C-alpha atoms as a PDB file:
ATOM      1  CA  MET A   1      37.667  26.556 -21.443  1.00  0.00           C
ATOM      2  CA  GLN A   2      38.791  28.185 -18.123  1.00  0.00           C
ATOM      3  CA  ARG A   3      35.201  30.494 -18.520  1.00  0.00           C
ATOM      4  CA  ILE A   4      33.380  27.095 -18.694  1.00  0.00           C
ATOM      5  CA  VAL A   5      34.659  25.797 -15.642  1.00  0.00           C
ATOM      6  CA  ILE A   6      34.175  29.062 -13.986  1.00  0.00           C
ATOM      7  CA  LEU A   7      30.736  28.821 -14.798  1.00  0.00           C
ATOM      8  CA  PHE A   8      29.908  25.658 -13.854  1.00  0.00           C
ATOM      9  CA  ALA A   9      31.888  26.077 -10.633  1.00  0.00           C
ATOM     10  CA  SER A  10      29.325  28.968  -9.715  1.00  0.00           C
ATOM     11  CA  LEU A  11      26.546  26.874 -10.513  1.00  0.00           C
ATOM     12  CA  VAL A  12      27.434  24.066  -8.021  1.00  0.00           C
ATOM     13  CA  LEU A  13      27.568  26.863  -5.725  1.00  0.00           C
ATOM     14  CA  VAL A  14      24.003  27.630  -6.467  1.00  0.00           C
ATOM     15  CA  SER A  15      22.795  24.359  -6.197  1.00  0.00           C
ATOM     16  CA  SER A  16      24.110  23.901  -3.211  1.00  0.00           C
ATOM     17  CA  CYS A  17      22.653  26.738  -1.314  1.00  0.00           C
ATOM     18  CA  SER A  18      19.398  26.223  -1.328  1.00  0.00           C
ATOM     19  CA  ASP A  19      18.790  27.954   2.026  1.00  0.00           C
ATOM     20  CA  ARG A  20      19.931  31.209   1.250  1.00  0.00           C
ATOM     21  CA  GLN A  21      17.558  33.521  -1.066  1.00  0.00           C
ATOM     22  CA  LYS A  22      19.121  33.927  -4.193  1.00  0.00           C
ATOM     23  CA  GLU A  23      19.166  36.996  -6.931  1.00  0.00           C
ATOM     24  CA  GLU A  24      17.220  36.619  -9.978  1.00  0.00           C
ATOM     25  CA  GLN A  25      19.942  35.116 -12.727  1.00  0.00           C
ATOM     26  CA  GLY A  26      19.846  34.636 -16.700  1.00  0.00           C
ATOM     27  CA  PRO A  27      19.494  31.672 -18.220  1.00  0.00           C
ATOM     28  CA  ILE A  28      22.279  28.817 -18.677  1.00  0.00           C
ATOM     29  CA  ALA A  29      21.040  27.075 -21.551  1.00  0.00           C
ATOM     30  CA  ARG A  30      18.898  27.660 -24.850  1.00  0.00           C
ATOM     31  CA  VAL A  31      17.369  25.430 -27.007  1.00  0.00           C
ATOM     32  CA  PHE A  32      15.227  27.577 -29.676  1.00  0.00           C
ATOM     33  CA  ASP A  33      12.835  29.458 -27.773  1.00  0.00           C
ATOM     34  CA  LYS A  34      13.708  27.549 -24.429  1.00  0.00           C
ATOM     35  CA  TYR A  35      15.636  28.242 -21.544  1.00  0.00           C
ATOM     36  CA  LEU A  36      17.117  26.568 -18.661  1.00  0.00           C
ATOM     37  CA  TYR A  37      17.712  28.771 -15.581  1.00  0.00           C
ATOM     38  CA  GLU A  38      20.088  28.414 -12.489  1.00  0.00           C
ATOM     39  CA  ASP A  39      16.844  27.741 -10.164  1.00  0.00           C
ATOM     40  CA  ASP A  40      16.023  25.005 -12.204  1.00  0.00           C
ATOM     41  CA  ILE A  41      19.110  23.028 -11.269  1.00  0.00           C
ATOM     42  CA  SER A  42      18.950  23.856  -7.520  1.00  0.00           C
ATOM     43  CA  GLY A  43      19.578  20.855  -5.625  1.00  0.00           C
ATOM     44  CA  LEU A  44      20.708  18.789  -8.425  1.00  0.00           C
ATOM     45  CA  VAL A  45      23.950  18.154  -7.194  1.00  0.00           C
ATOM     46  CA  PRO A  46      24.100  16.165  -3.578  1.00  0.00           C
ATOM     47  CA  GLU A  47      25.935  17.273  -0.800  1.00  0.00           C
ATOM     48  CA  GLY A  48      29.736  16.314  -0.425  1.00  0.00           C
ATOM     49  CA  LYS A  49      30.152  15.925  -3.603  1.00  0.00           C
ATOM     50  CA  SER A  50      33.634  17.069  -5.167  1.00  0.00           C
ATOM     51  CA  PRO A  51      33.746  20.135  -7.561  1.00  0.00           C
ATOM     52  CA  GLU A  52      34.693  17.737 -10.331  1.00  0.00           C
ATOM     53  CA  ASP A  53      31.667  15.592  -9.406  1.00  0.00           C
ATOM     54  CA  SER A  54      29.453  18.472  -9.057  1.00  0.00           C
ATOM     55  CA  ILE A  55      30.607  19.774 -12.618  1.00  0.00           C
ATOM     56  CA  SER A  56      30.173  16.380 -14.052  1.00  0.00           C
ATOM     57  CA  ILE A  57      26.503  16.196 -12.793  1.00  0.00           C
ATOM     58  CA  ILE A  58      25.410  19.630 -13.976  1.00  0.00           C
ATOM     59  CA  LYS A  59      27.386  19.440 -17.475  1.00  0.00           C
ATOM     60  CA  SER A  60      25.234  16.103 -17.605  1.00  0.00           C
ATOM     61  CA  TYR A  61      21.879  17.345 -16.685  1.00  0.00           C
ATOM     62  CA  ILE A  62      22.363  20.299 -19.231  1.00  0.00           C
ATOM     63  CA  ASP A  63      23.314  18.087 -21.979  1.00  0.00           C
ATOM     64  CA  ASN A  64      20.513  15.561 -21.647  1.00  0.00           C
ATOM     65  CA  TRP A  65      18.164  18.637 -21.472  1.00  0.00           C
ATOM     66  CA  ILE A  66      19.463  19.832 -23.984  1.00  0.00           C
ATOM     67  CA  ARG A  67      19.326  16.551 -26.205  1.00  0.00           C
ATOM     68  CA  GLU A  68      15.576  16.110 -25.228  1.00  0.00           C
ATOM     69  CA  GLU A  69      14.491  19.576 -26.138  1.00  0.00           C
ATOM     70  CA  LEU A  70      15.867  18.980 -29.459  1.00  0.00           C
ATOM     71  CA  ILE A  71      13.991  15.759 -30.003  1.00  0.00           C
ATOM     72  CA  LEU A  72      11.020  17.398 -28.840  1.00  0.00           C
ATOM     73  CA  ALA A  73      11.056  19.998 -31.079  1.00  0.00           C
ATOM     74  CA  GLN A  74      11.815  17.569 -33.925  1.00  0.00           C
ATOM     75  CA  ALA A  75       9.091  15.719 -33.159  1.00  0.00           C
ATOM     76  CA  GLU A  76       6.539  18.780 -32.612  1.00  0.00           C
ATOM     77  CA  TYR A  77       7.656  19.801 -36.019  1.00  0.00           C
ATOM     78  CA  ASN A  78       7.335  16.638 -37.949  1.00  0.00           C
ATOM     79  CA  LEU A  79       3.910  15.442 -36.261  1.00  0.00           C
ATOM     80  CA  PRO A  80       0.852  15.467 -37.910  1.00  0.00           C
ATOM     81  CA  ASP A  81      -1.520  17.888 -36.862  1.00  0.00           C
ATOM     82  CA  GLU A  82      -4.303  15.467 -36.012  1.00  0.00           C
ATOM     83  CA  GLN A  83      -1.939  13.334 -34.096  1.00  0.00           C
ATOM     84  CA  GLU A  84      -0.655  16.533 -31.963  1.00  0.00           C
ATOM     85  CA  ALA A  85      -4.359  17.066 -31.491  1.00  0.00           C
ATOM     86  CA  ILE A  86      -5.118  13.513 -30.265  1.00  0.00           C
ATOM     87  CA  ILE A  87      -2.134  14.144 -27.723  1.00  0.00           C
ATOM     88  CA  GLU A  88      -3.153  17.561 -26.572  1.00  0.00           C
ATOM     89  CA  GLU A  89      -6.238  15.980 -25.891  1.00  0.00           C
ATOM     90  CA  ASP A  90      -4.961  13.387 -23.827  1.00  0.00           C
ATOM     91  CA  VAL A  91      -2.832  15.568 -21.606  1.00  0.00           C
ATOM     92  CA  ASN A  92      -5.591  17.823 -21.029  1.00  0.00           C
ATOM     93  CA  GLU A  93      -7.757  14.897 -19.921  1.00  0.00           C
ATOM     94  CA  TYR A  94      -4.839  13.221 -18.012  1.00  0.00           C
ATOM     95  CA  ARG A  95      -4.400  16.849 -16.086  1.00  0.00           C
ATOM     96  CA  THR A  96      -8.134  17.051 -15.242  1.00  0.00           C
ATOM     97  CA  ALA A  97      -8.474  13.369 -14.047  1.00  0.00           C
ATOM     98  CA  LYS A  98      -5.186  14.372 -11.501  1.00  0.00           C
ATOM     99  CA  ILE A  99      -6.502  17.352 -10.209  1.00  0.00           C
ATOM    100  CA  VAL A 100     -10.176  16.101  -9.794  1.00  0.00           C
ATOM    101  CA  TYR A 101      -8.467  12.927  -7.910  1.00  0.00           C
ATOM    102  CA  ALA A 102      -6.194  15.169  -5.897  1.00  0.00           C
ATOM    103  CA  TYR A 103      -9.487  17.231  -4.565  1.00  0.00           C
ATOM    104  CA  GLU A 104     -11.212  13.735  -4.051  1.00  0.00           C
ATOM    105  CA  ARG A 105      -8.447  12.605  -2.040  1.00  0.00           C
ATOM    106  CA  GLU A 106      -8.334  15.947  -0.090  1.00  0.00           C
ATOM    107  CA  LEU A 107     -12.255  15.539   0.348  1.00  0.00           C
ATOM    108  CA  ILE A 108     -11.909  12.090   1.830  1.00  0.00           C
ATOM    109  CA  ARG A 109      -9.253  12.968   4.124  1.00  0.00           C
ATOM    110  CA  GLU A 110     -11.071  15.455   5.837  1.00  0.00           C
ATOM    111  CA  LYS A 111     -14.774  14.134   5.625  1.00  0.00           C
ATOM    112  CA  LEU A 112     -14.598  10.473   5.759  1.00  0.00           C
ATOM    113  CA  ASP A 113     -16.100   8.836   8.793  1.00  0.00           C
ATOM    114  CA  THR A 114     -13.784   5.708   9.142  1.00  0.00           C
ATOM    115  CA  SER A 115     -15.435   4.147  12.234  1.00  0.00           C
ATOM    116  CA  PHE A 116     -18.068   1.520  11.816  1.00  0.00           C
ATOM    117  CA  SER A 117     -20.519  -0.233  14.461  1.00  0.00           C
ATOM    118  CA  GLU A 118     -20.440  -3.766  15.036  1.00  0.00           C
ATOM    119  CA  THR A 119     -23.971  -3.820  13.661  1.00  0.00           C
ATOM    120  CA  GLU A 120     -23.158  -2.757  10.519  1.00  0.00           C
ATOM    121  CA  ILE A 121     -20.590  -5.014  10.023  1.00  0.00           C
ATOM    122  CA  GLN A 122     -22.754  -8.062  10.975  1.00  0.00           C
ATOM    123  CA  GLU A 123     -25.710  -6.725   9.103  1.00  0.00           C
ATOM    124  CA  TYR A 124     -22.860  -6.654   5.921  1.00  0.00           C
ATOM    125  CA  TYR A 125     -21.688 -10.130   6.605  1.00  0.00           C
ATOM    126  CA  HIS A 126     -25.115 -11.566   7.080  1.00  0.00           C
ATOM    127  CA  SER A 127     -26.537  -9.958   3.867  1.00  0.00           C
ATOM    128  CA  ASN A 128     -23.764 -11.006   1.817  1.00  0.00           C
ATOM    129  CA  LYS A 129     -22.563 -14.415   3.035  1.00  0.00           C
ATOM    130  CA  LYS A 130     -22.519 -15.648  -0.248  1.00  0.00           C
ATOM    131  CA  ASN A 131     -19.729 -13.537  -1.048  1.00  0.00           C
ATOM    132  CA  PHE A 132     -17.477 -14.946   1.641  1.00  0.00           C
ATOM    133  CA  GLU A 133     -16.916 -18.460   0.562  1.00  0.00           C
ATOM    134  CA  LEU A 134     -13.727 -19.979   1.718  1.00  0.00           C
ATOM    135  CA  LYS A 135     -10.924 -20.785  -0.905  1.00  0.00           C
ATOM    136  CA  ASP A 136      -9.287 -23.271   1.389  1.00  0.00           C
ATOM    137  CA  TYR A 137      -9.605 -25.041   4.803  1.00  0.00           C
ATOM    138  CA  ILE A 138      -9.369 -22.800   7.936  1.00  0.00           C
ATOM    139  CA  VAL A 139      -8.567 -23.784  11.473  1.00  0.00           C
ATOM    140  CA  ARG A 140      -9.131 -22.268  14.723  1.00  0.00           C
ATOM    141  CA  GLY A 141      -7.002 -23.620  18.138  1.00  0.00           C
ATOM    142  CA  ASN A 142      -3.783 -23.485  19.748  1.00  0.00           C
ATOM    143  CA  TYR A 143      -0.179 -24.196  18.458  1.00  0.00           C
ATOM    144  CA  VAL A 144       3.231 -23.902  20.090  1.00  0.00           C
ATOM    145  CA  LYS A 145       6.633 -24.309  18.502  1.00  0.00           C
ATOM    146  CA  LEU A 146       9.644 -25.005  20.887  1.00  0.00           C
ATOM    147  CA  GLU A 147      13.215 -25.422  20.287  1.00  0.00           C
ATOM    148  CA  LYS A 148      13.797 -29.087  21.754  1.00  0.00           C
ATOM    149  CA  ASN A 149      16.004 -27.787  24.479  1.00  0.00           C
ATOM    150  CA  ALA A 150      13.900 -24.685  25.764  1.00  0.00           C
ATOM    151  CA  PRO A 151      14.189 -24.720  29.304  1.00  0.00           C
ATOM    152  CA  ASN A 152      10.891 -26.100  31.842  1.00  0.00           C
ATOM    153  CA  LYS A 153       9.640 -27.594  28.346  1.00  0.00           C
ATOM    154  CA  GLU A 154       7.699 -30.193  30.643  1.00  0.00           C
ATOM    155  CA  GLN A 155       5.872 -27.676  32.221  1.00  0.00           C
ATOM    156  CA  ALA A 156       4.888 -25.928  29.053  1.00  0.00           C
ATOM    157  CA  ILE A 157       3.509 -28.931  27.786  1.00  0.00           C
ATOM    158  CA  GLU A 158       1.362 -29.456  30.976  1.00  0.00           C
ATOM    159  CA  TRP A 159       0.213 -26.208  30.938  1.00  0.00           C
ATOM    160  CA  PHE A 160      -0.737 -26.654  27.053  1.00  0.00           C
ATOM    161  CA  ASN A 161      -2.701 -29.997  28.079  1.00  0.00           C
ATOM    162  CA  LYS A 162      -4.539 -28.506  30.635  1.00  0.00           C
ATOM    163  CA  GLY A 163      -5.777 -25.279  28.743  1.00  0.00           C
ATOM    164  CA  GLY A 164      -7.538 -23.683  31.793  1.00  0.00           C
ATOM    165  CA  GLU A 165      -7.280 -20.173  32.284  1.00  0.00           C
ATOM    166  CA  GLU A 166      -4.260 -19.913  34.459  1.00  0.00           C
ATOM    167  CA  GLU A 167      -2.547 -22.403  32.816  1.00  0.00           C
ATOM    168  CA  PHE A 168      -3.150 -20.757  29.724  1.00  0.00           C
ATOM    169  CA  ALA A 169      -1.722 -17.225  31.123  1.00  0.00           C
ATOM    170  CA  GLU A 170       1.447 -19.214  32.248  1.00  0.00           C
ATOM    171  CA  LEU A 171       1.865 -20.538  29.036  1.00  0.00           C
ATOM    172  CA  LYS A 172       1.270 -17.284  27.049  1.00  0.00           C
ATOM    173  CA  ASP A 173       3.913 -15.827  29.666  1.00  0.00           C
ATOM    174  CA  TYR A 174       6.392 -18.858  28.561  1.00  0.00           C
ATOM    175  CA  CYS A 175       5.913 -18.517  24.997  1.00  0.00           C
ATOM    176  CA  PHE A 176       6.772 -15.013  24.815  1.00  0.00           C
ATOM    177  CA  GLN A 177      10.077 -15.814  26.393  1.00  0.00           C
ATOM    178  CA  TYR A 178      11.009 -19.178  24.930  1.00  0.00           C
ATOM    179  CA  ALA A 179       8.888 -20.066  21.843  1.00  0.00           C
ATOM    180  CA  GLN A 180       9.781 -19.977  18.382  1.00  0.00           C
ATOM    181  CA  THR A 181       6.297 -18.991  17.262  1.00  0.00           C
ATOM    182  CA  PHE A 182       3.021 -19.641  18.898  1.00  0.00           C
ATOM    183  CA  ILE A 183      -0.717 -18.858  18.227  1.00  0.00           C
ATOM    184  CA  LEU A 184      -2.760 -18.943  21.643  1.00  0.00           C
ATOM    185  CA  ASP A 185      -5.740 -16.865  20.564  1.00  0.00           C
ATOM    186  CA  THR A 186      -8.579 -19.413  20.334  1.00  0.00           C
ATOM    187  CA  ALA A 187     -10.903 -16.886  18.731  1.00  0.00           C
ATOM    188  CA  ARG A 188      -8.194 -16.384  15.475  1.00  0.00           C
ATOM    189  CA  TRP A 189      -9.069 -18.319  12.697  1.00  0.00           C
ATOM    190  CA  ILE A 190      -6.058 -19.247  10.653  1.00  0.00           C
ATOM    191  CA  TYR A 191      -5.452 -20.789   7.122  1.00  0.00           C
ATOM    192  CA  PHE A 192      -4.142 -24.483   7.388  1.00  0.00           C
ATOM    193  CA  LYS A 193      -1.652 -23.813   4.591  1.00  0.00           C
ATOM    194  CA  GLU A 194      -0.489 -21.441   7.190  1.00  0.00           C
ATOM    195  CA  LEU A 195      -0.197 -23.970  10.032  1.00  0.00           C
ATOM    196  CA  GLN A 196       1.445 -26.116   7.637  1.00  0.00           C
ATOM    197  CA  LYS A 197       4.485 -23.675   6.790  1.00  0.00           C
ATOM    198  CA  GLN A 198       4.415 -23.003  10.323  1.00  0.00           C
ATOM    199  CA  SER A 199       4.479 -26.507  11.637  1.00  0.00           C
ATOM    200  CA  GLY A 200       5.769 -28.612   8.670  1.00  0.00           C
ATOM    201  CA  ILE A 201       2.744 -30.614   9.037  1.00  0.00           C
ATOM    202  CA  GLU A 202       2.527 -32.752   5.636  1.00  0.00           C
ATOM    203  CA  THR A 203      -0.822 -34.801   4.540  1.00  0.00           C
ATOM    204  CA  LEU A 204      -2.066 -36.043   0.994  1.00  0.00           C
ATOM    205  CA  ASN A 205      -5.566 -35.443   2.753  1.00  0.00           C
ATOM    206  CA  VAL A 206      -6.445 -32.168   4.748  1.00  0.00           C
ATOM    207  CA  LYS A 207      -9.908 -33.145   5.063  1.00  0.00           C
ATOM    208  CA  ASP A 208      -9.255 -36.575   6.947  1.00  0.00           C
ATOM    209  CA  PHE A 209      -6.362 -34.948   8.804  1.00  0.00           C
ATOM    210  CA  LEU A 210      -8.459 -32.451  10.273  1.00  0.00           C
ATOM    211  CA  LYS A 211     -10.940 -34.972  11.193  1.00  0.00           C
ATOM    212  CA  GLU A 212      -8.725 -37.273  13.012  1.00  0.00           C
ATOM    213  CA  ASN A 213      -6.200 -34.789  14.506  1.00  0.00           C
ATOM    214  CA  LYS A 214      -7.720 -32.972  17.300  1.00  0.00           C
ATOM    215  CA  HIS A 215      -4.625 -32.607  19.217  1.00  0.00           C
ATOM    216  CA  LEU A 216      -1.093 -33.297  18.371  1.00  0.00           C
ATOM    217  CA  GLU A 217       2.447 -33.160  19.972  1.00  0.00           C
ATOM    218  CA  PHE A 218       5.306 -34.189  17.801  1.00  0.00           C
ATOM    219  CA  GLU A 219       8.975 -33.347  17.048  1.00  0.00           C
ATOM    220  CA  ASP A 220      11.481 -32.813  13.958  1.00  0.00           C
ATOM    221  CA  GLU A 221      14.892 -32.277  14.077  1.00  0.00           C
ATOM    222  CA  TYR A 222      14.911 -29.283  15.910  1.00  0.00           C
ATOM    223  CA  TYR A 223      11.630 -28.210  17.151  1.00  0.00           C
ATOM    224  CA  LEU A 224       8.879 -29.675  19.564  1.00  0.00           C
ATOM    225  CA  HIS A 225       5.399 -28.730  17.877  1.00  0.00           C
ATOM    226  CA  LEU A 226       2.032 -28.718  20.438  1.00  0.00           C
ATOM    227  CA  LEU A 227      -1.076 -28.262  18.532  1.00  0.00           C
ATOM    228  CA  ARG A 228      -4.711 -28.283  19.624  1.00  0.00           C
ATOM    229  CA  ILE A 229      -7.405 -27.543  16.840  1.00  0.00           C
ATOM    230  CA  ASP A 230     -10.868 -26.521  18.278  1.00  0.00           C
ATOM    231  CA  GLU A 231     -12.561 -26.002  15.330  1.00  0.00           C
ATOM    232  CA  TYR A 232     -12.037 -26.342  11.450  1.00  0.00           C
ATOM    233  CA  LEU A 233     -14.015 -25.234   8.198  1.00  0.00           C
ATOM    234  CA  MET A 234     -14.091 -26.806   5.143  1.00  0.00           C
ATOM    235  CA  LYS A 235     -12.776 -25.428   1.920  1.00  0.00           C
ATOM    236  CA  ASP A 236     -16.003 -24.147  -0.195  1.00  0.00           C
ATOM    237  CA  SER A 237     -18.096 -23.626   3.201  1.00  0.00           C
ATOM    238  CA  ILE A 238     -19.119 -20.114   4.413  1.00  0.00           C
ATOM    239  CA  SER A 239     -16.124 -18.359   5.909  1.00  0.00           C
ATOM    240  CA  PRO A 240     -16.893 -16.906   9.744  1.00  0.00           C
ATOM    241  CA  LEU A 241     -17.359 -13.321  10.582  1.00  0.00           C
ATOM    242  CA  ALA A 242     -14.231 -13.243  12.427  1.00  0.00           C
ATOM    243  CA  LEU A 243     -12.010 -14.179   9.624  1.00  0.00           C
ATOM    244  CA  GLU A 244     -13.905 -11.336   7.292  1.00  0.00           C
ATOM    245  CA  ARG A 245     -14.053  -8.530   9.725  1.00  0.00           C
ATOM    246  CA  GLU A 246     -11.351  -6.545   8.549  1.00  0.00           C
ATOM    247  CA  ASN A 247     -12.392  -7.397   5.010  1.00  0.00           C
ATOM    248  CA  ILE A 248     -16.072  -6.282   5.274  1.00  0.00           C
ATOM    249  CA  ARG A 249     -14.637  -2.885   7.099  1.00  0.00           C
ATOM    250  CA  ASN A 250     -12.763  -2.209   3.732  1.00  0.00           C
ATOM    251  CA  ILE A 251     -15.474  -2.785   1.795  1.00  0.00           C
ATOM    252  CA  LEU A 252     -17.901  -0.576   3.811  1.00  0.00           C
ATOM    253  CA  LEU A 253     -15.034   2.008   3.710  1.00  0.00           C
ATOM    254  CA  ASN A 254     -14.327   1.857   0.055  1.00  0.00           C
ATOM    255  CA  GLN A 255     -18.612   2.408  -0.600  1.00  0.00           C
ATOM    256  CA  ARG A 256     -18.361   5.013   2.284  1.00  0.00           C
ATOM    257  CA  LYS A 257     -15.588   6.708  -0.135  1.00  0.00           C
ATOM    258  CA  LEU A 258     -17.782   6.383  -3.088  1.00  0.00           C
ATOM    259  CA  ASP A 259     -20.860   7.714  -1.810  1.00  0.00           C
ATOM    260  CA  LEU A 260     -18.722  11.076  -0.533  1.00  0.00           C
ATOM    261  CA  VAL A 261     -17.382  11.573  -3.654  1.00  0.00           C
ATOM    262  CA  LYS A 262     -20.580  11.261  -5.522  1.00  0.00           C
ATOM    263  CA  THR A 263     -22.506  13.493  -2.913  1.00  0.00           C
ATOM    264  CA  MET A 264     -19.891  16.103  -3.319  1.00  0.00           C
ATOM    265  CA  HIS A 265     -20.363  15.784  -7.267  1.00  0.00           C
ATOM    266  CA  ASN A 266     -23.955  16.344  -6.983  1.00  0.00           C
ATOM    267  CA  GLN A 267     -23.613  19.445  -4.596  1.00  0.00           C
ATOM    268  CA  ILE A 268     -21.436  21.096  -6.869  1.00  0.00           C
ATOM    269  CA  TYR A 269     -23.670  20.791  -9.505  1.00  0.00           C
ATOM    270  CA  LYS A 270     -27.064  21.528  -8.049  1.00  0.00           C
ATOM    271  CA  ASN A 271     -25.231  25.088  -6.012  1.00  0.00           C
ATOM    272  CA  ALA A 272     -24.181  25.845 -10.235  1.00  0.00           C
ATOM    273  CA  LEU A 273     -27.307  25.211 -11.417  1.00  0.00           C
ATOM    274  CA  LYS A 274     -29.327  27.452  -8.554  1.00  0.00           C
ATOM    275  CA  LYS A 275     -26.434  30.345  -9.108  1.00  0.00           C
ATOM    276  CA  ASP A 276     -26.938  29.733 -13.016  1.00  0.00           C
ATOM    277  CA  LYS A 277     -23.306  29.251 -13.294  1.00  0.00           C
ATOM    278  CA  PHE A 278     -23.708  27.312 -16.421  1.00  0.00           C
ATOM    279  CA  GLU A 279     -26.103  26.986 -19.597  1.00  0.00           C
ATOM    280  CA  ILE A 280     -26.673  24.518 -22.462  1.00  0.00           C
ATOM    281  CA  PHE A 281     -27.297  25.602 -25.467  1.00  0.00           C
ATOM    282  CA  LEU A 282     -29.068  23.371 -27.621  1.00  0.00           C
ATOM    283  CA  LYS A 283     -31.634  23.839 -30.594  1.00  0.00           C
ATOM    284  CA  LYS A 284     -34.914  22.746 -29.773  1.00  0.00           C
ATOM    285  CA  GLU A 285     -36.462  20.273 -32.186  1.00  0.00           C
END
């Protein structure tokens, strides 16, 4: 028993000394013709663990390794040959796919041009408008949510209602200091449901609400809400380019990735063909 404790104590020291070059050492466990070495458990024990906890962690790891290897050996012995062949084929296919994917990912990282001109984005949008049908109502305008006791609230309301460039700049500075949330980008489209979540607006008929309410000022228990809707689009209409720009960029980027990988595949094939790197052995009819 004392020998076992000493052995595990030495393993704790080995596993916690990853910064020092270790001499080659013998195995610490065996199952049939498979061996577990000290290097296999290097870094297993987290820093700061007591010797007792460290020994427990290592003993548990070794025990689990032995059990898994025994079960694997039993399964391999009893598995029908045809099943083992199928598994081997699956493993090889998985390995091949992982290696190719890793290479393609590295190729994309090094070679892919991720910049797109506004012309490219607009051309794709106008050529594929039918693919950008809105699934819900969207609005464009200004929205400010203030606590009811916010300072200079009346001045903020005046700036909001006037809506000029100077007032807009003043209001923006004010909102950064005091607003609970705000939208002051008149070019930005948002889904009406998002606005409802922020403002608490409830309506059974969104279409009528948008038609009848261009400018709203209302309070609830805690907040003052200022809303101006400059434009809205109905569900099932065509989504504006401003809302789809990032989506289009991702579509174009994905297509560019596919084209790059396809070009790489073809180039490898052509180079190998040119240098007689492969042959096809088929009997002629």
